[in-house]
Protein backbone atom coordinates (compact mmCIF):
# COMPACT_ATOMS: atom_id res chain seq x y z
CA UNK A 1 53.89 60.70 8.48
CA UNK A 2 55.20 56.92 9.80
CA UNK A 3 57.90 55.40 7.92
CA UNK A 4 57.18 51.67 6.21
CA UNK A 5 59.35 50.02 8.37
CA UNK A 6 58.33 51.91 11.83
CA UNK A 7 54.97 50.02 10.67
CA UNK A 8 56.41 46.18 10.46
CA UNK A 9 58.31 46.56 13.67
CA UNK A 10 54.90 47.65 15.32
CA UNK A 11 53.45 45.23 18.37
CA UNK A 12 49.81 44.98 17.71
CA UNK A 13 48.15 47.45 19.91
CA UNK A 14 51.01 50.14 18.48
CA UNK A 15 49.58 48.98 14.99
CA UNK A 16 45.91 49.63 15.87
CA UNK A 17 46.71 52.74 17.52
CA UNK A 18 48.52 53.96 14.87
CA UNK A 19 45.97 52.84 12.25
CA UNK A 20 43.24 52.18 13.68
CA UNK A 21 41.62 55.05 12.45
CA UNK A 22 42.24 54.51 8.26
CA UNK A 23 38.84 52.42 8.19
CA UNK A 24 36.46 54.71 9.61
CA UNK A 25 35.60 54.08 13.73
CA UNK A 26 36.73 50.75 12.73
CA UNK A 27 39.87 49.29 14.53
CA UNK A 28 39.43 45.65 14.07
CA UNK A 29 40.85 46.26 10.50
CA UNK A 30 44.06 47.52 11.84
CA UNK A 31 44.02 44.88 14.02
CA UNK A 32 42.79 41.76 11.67
CA UNK A 33 45.76 43.42 8.88
CA UNK A 34 48.60 43.00 11.61
CA UNK A 35 49.75 39.56 11.28
CA UNK A 36 50.51 40.02 7.68
CA UNK A 37 53.67 41.64 8.59
CA UNK A 38 56.17 42.50 7.08
CA UNK A 39 54.51 45.00 4.06
CA UNK A 40 56.80 45.20 1.60
CA UNK A 41 54.84 48.43 -0.07
CA UNK A 42 51.99 50.41 0.85
CA UNK A 43 50.11 48.36 -1.85
CA UNK A 44 50.96 45.07 0.48
CA UNK A 45 49.13 46.91 3.21
CA UNK A 46 46.58 48.18 1.86
CA UNK A 47 45.73 44.91 0.69
CA UNK A 48 46.02 43.22 3.82
CA UNK A 49 43.48 45.43 5.26
CA UNK A 50 41.14 45.42 2.27
CA UNK A 51 41.45 41.26 2.82
CA UNK A 52 40.85 41.69 6.58
CA UNK A 53 37.41 43.62 5.12
CA UNK A 54 36.67 40.92 2.85
CA UNK A 55 37.24 37.74 5.04
CA UNK A 56 34.97 39.77 8.02
CA UNK A 57 31.54 38.41 9.05
CA UNK A 58 28.69 40.15 6.81
CA UNK A 59 27.76 41.83 10.04
CA UNK A 60 30.86 43.55 10.52
CA UNK A 61 31.16 44.58 6.98
CA UNK A 62 27.99 46.13 7.57
CA UNK A 63 28.84 48.02 11.10
CA UNK A 64 32.10 49.38 9.00
CA UNK A 65 29.41 51.30 6.71
CA UNK A 66 27.34 52.24 8.89
CA UNK A 67 30.62 53.85 11.17
CA UNK A 68 31.09 56.66 8.74
CA UNK A 69 28.91 59.55 8.59
CA UNK A 70 26.63 60.98 6.39
CA UNK A 71 27.94 63.41 3.48
CA UNK A 72 27.26 67.16 4.54
CA UNK A 73 25.07 65.61 7.33
CA UNK A 74 24.11 66.43 10.64
CA UNK A 75 27.23 65.44 12.33
CA UNK A 76 29.28 67.53 9.98
CA UNK A 77 27.58 70.47 10.55
CA UNK A 78 27.48 70.24 14.46
CA UNK A 79 32.12 69.19 13.65
CA UNK A 80 31.08 66.06 15.16
CA UNK A 81 33.48 64.08 12.18
CA UNK A 82 36.63 62.31 12.63
CA UNK A 83 39.89 65.09 11.76
CA UNK A 84 40.22 62.50 7.76
CA UNK A 85 36.11 62.73 7.35
CA UNK A 86 35.89 66.71 8.10
CA UNK A 87 39.04 67.48 5.67
CA UNK A 88 37.80 65.03 3.15
CA UNK A 89 34.39 66.82 3.44
CA UNK A 90 36.02 69.92 2.99
CA UNK A 91 38.02 69.36 0.41
CA UNK A 92 34.57 68.95 -1.68
CA UNK A 93 32.68 72.13 -0.53
CA UNK A 94 30.26 69.91 1.44
CA UNK A 95 31.52 71.78 4.68
CA UNK A 96 30.20 74.89 3.10
CA UNK A 97 26.56 74.33 1.16
CA UNK A 98 23.96 76.63 1.47
CA UNK A 99 20.55 76.01 2.26
CA UNK A 100 19.12 74.55 -0.74
CA UNK A 101 22.17 71.95 -1.08
CA UNK A 102 22.06 71.45 2.34
CA UNK A 103 18.58 70.33 2.28
CA UNK A 104 19.04 68.04 -1.15
CA UNK A 105 22.11 66.00 0.87
CA UNK A 106 19.31 65.84 3.75
CA UNK A 107 16.98 64.35 1.52
CA UNK A 108 19.74 62.05 -0.35
CA UNK A 109 20.86 60.68 3.01
CA UNK A 110 17.89 60.10 3.92
CA UNK A 111 16.40 58.08 0.86
CA UNK A 112 20.39 56.41 0.39
CA UNK A 113 19.96 55.18 4.22
CA UNK A 114 16.19 53.88 4.13
CA UNK A 115 16.93 52.80 0.98
CA UNK A 116 20.59 50.20 2.14
CA UNK A 117 21.06 51.03 5.74
CA UNK A 118 23.85 52.51 5.66
CA UNK A 119 25.22 55.83 4.81
CA UNK A 120 25.92 56.89 0.92
CA UNK A 121 29.76 56.59 0.91
CA UNK A 122 31.97 57.94 -2.04
CA UNK A 123 35.80 59.04 -1.68
CA UNK A 124 35.24 62.53 -2.24
CA UNK A 125 38.64 63.01 -2.85
CA UNK A 126 38.13 61.94 -6.40
CA UNK A 127 34.62 64.47 -6.39
CA UNK A 128 32.81 67.76 -6.88
CA UNK A 129 29.91 68.00 -4.94
CA UNK A 130 28.28 68.03 -8.38
CA UNK A 131 29.70 64.41 -9.13
CA UNK A 132 28.27 63.17 -5.47
CA UNK A 133 24.94 64.99 -5.98
CA UNK A 134 25.40 62.89 -9.75
CA UNK A 135 26.55 59.56 -8.00
CA UNK A 136 23.52 59.82 -5.21
CA UNK A 137 21.12 59.63 -8.17
CA UNK A 138 22.57 56.19 -9.81
CA UNK A 139 23.24 54.55 -7.07
CA UNK A 140 19.86 54.38 -5.77
CA UNK A 141 18.96 52.80 -8.07
CA UNK A 142 21.27 49.99 -7.41
CA UNK A 143 19.80 46.56 -5.74
CA UNK A 144 20.77 45.96 -2.29
CA UNK A 145 24.24 43.75 -2.77
CA UNK A 146 25.90 45.75 -6.31
CA UNK A 147 25.50 48.99 -3.38
CA UNK A 148 27.07 47.02 -0.48
CA UNK A 149 29.82 46.08 -2.41
CA UNK A 150 30.11 49.65 -4.74
CA UNK A 151 29.91 50.84 -0.92
CA UNK A 152 33.03 48.56 0.58
CA UNK A 153 34.78 49.81 -2.69
CA UNK A 154 34.64 53.04 -1.91
CA UNK A 155 35.69 52.54 1.48
CA UNK A 156 38.92 50.68 0.29
CA UNK A 157 39.74 53.79 -1.38
CA UNK A 158 38.80 56.26 1.15
CA UNK A 159 41.47 54.06 3.34
CA UNK A 160 43.85 54.28 0.63
CA UNK A 161 44.06 58.15 0.18
CA UNK A 162 44.36 57.92 4.45
CA UNK A 163 47.15 55.48 4.35
CA UNK A 164 48.82 57.68 1.40
CA UNK A 165 48.50 60.18 3.75
CA UNK A 166 49.78 59.02 6.78
CA UNK A 167 52.78 55.92 5.66
CA UNK A 168 55.98 56.74 3.76
CA UNK A 169 57.37 54.07 1.86
């Protein structure tokens, strides 16, 4: 773990290196949050990172969403996920699906990506396999704008969990 005081003392490169993986494959978020130092709390750090995403161009927000892996998808089966994503998906049992469940996730991932243009994103630490499947079904009914906001909200939840695992107050 890294202390918040250490984070506040980091130069931009060190900050990006330490926190660049908080938002999946998107170190630009850490880079954009760096000028907001010093952070008085973990909440302030998380808030600065979420604000950086909110201030980003729409195409950058879309790229952020597209940087996330599909749940229980091919990348997980081939062990190509980041350490954080692997642990998160394993925590919900998505690394141990039977053939039928894997096929169901593949079909839902495909339908979701075709509808919205980015992978289904949910903070799996708050879910079980069953609640993820229910969320898929519910969110496939959203319109594109509402779903982008929902997905970005889930990305922010994931980032919060990752910060809590990395940064000590």
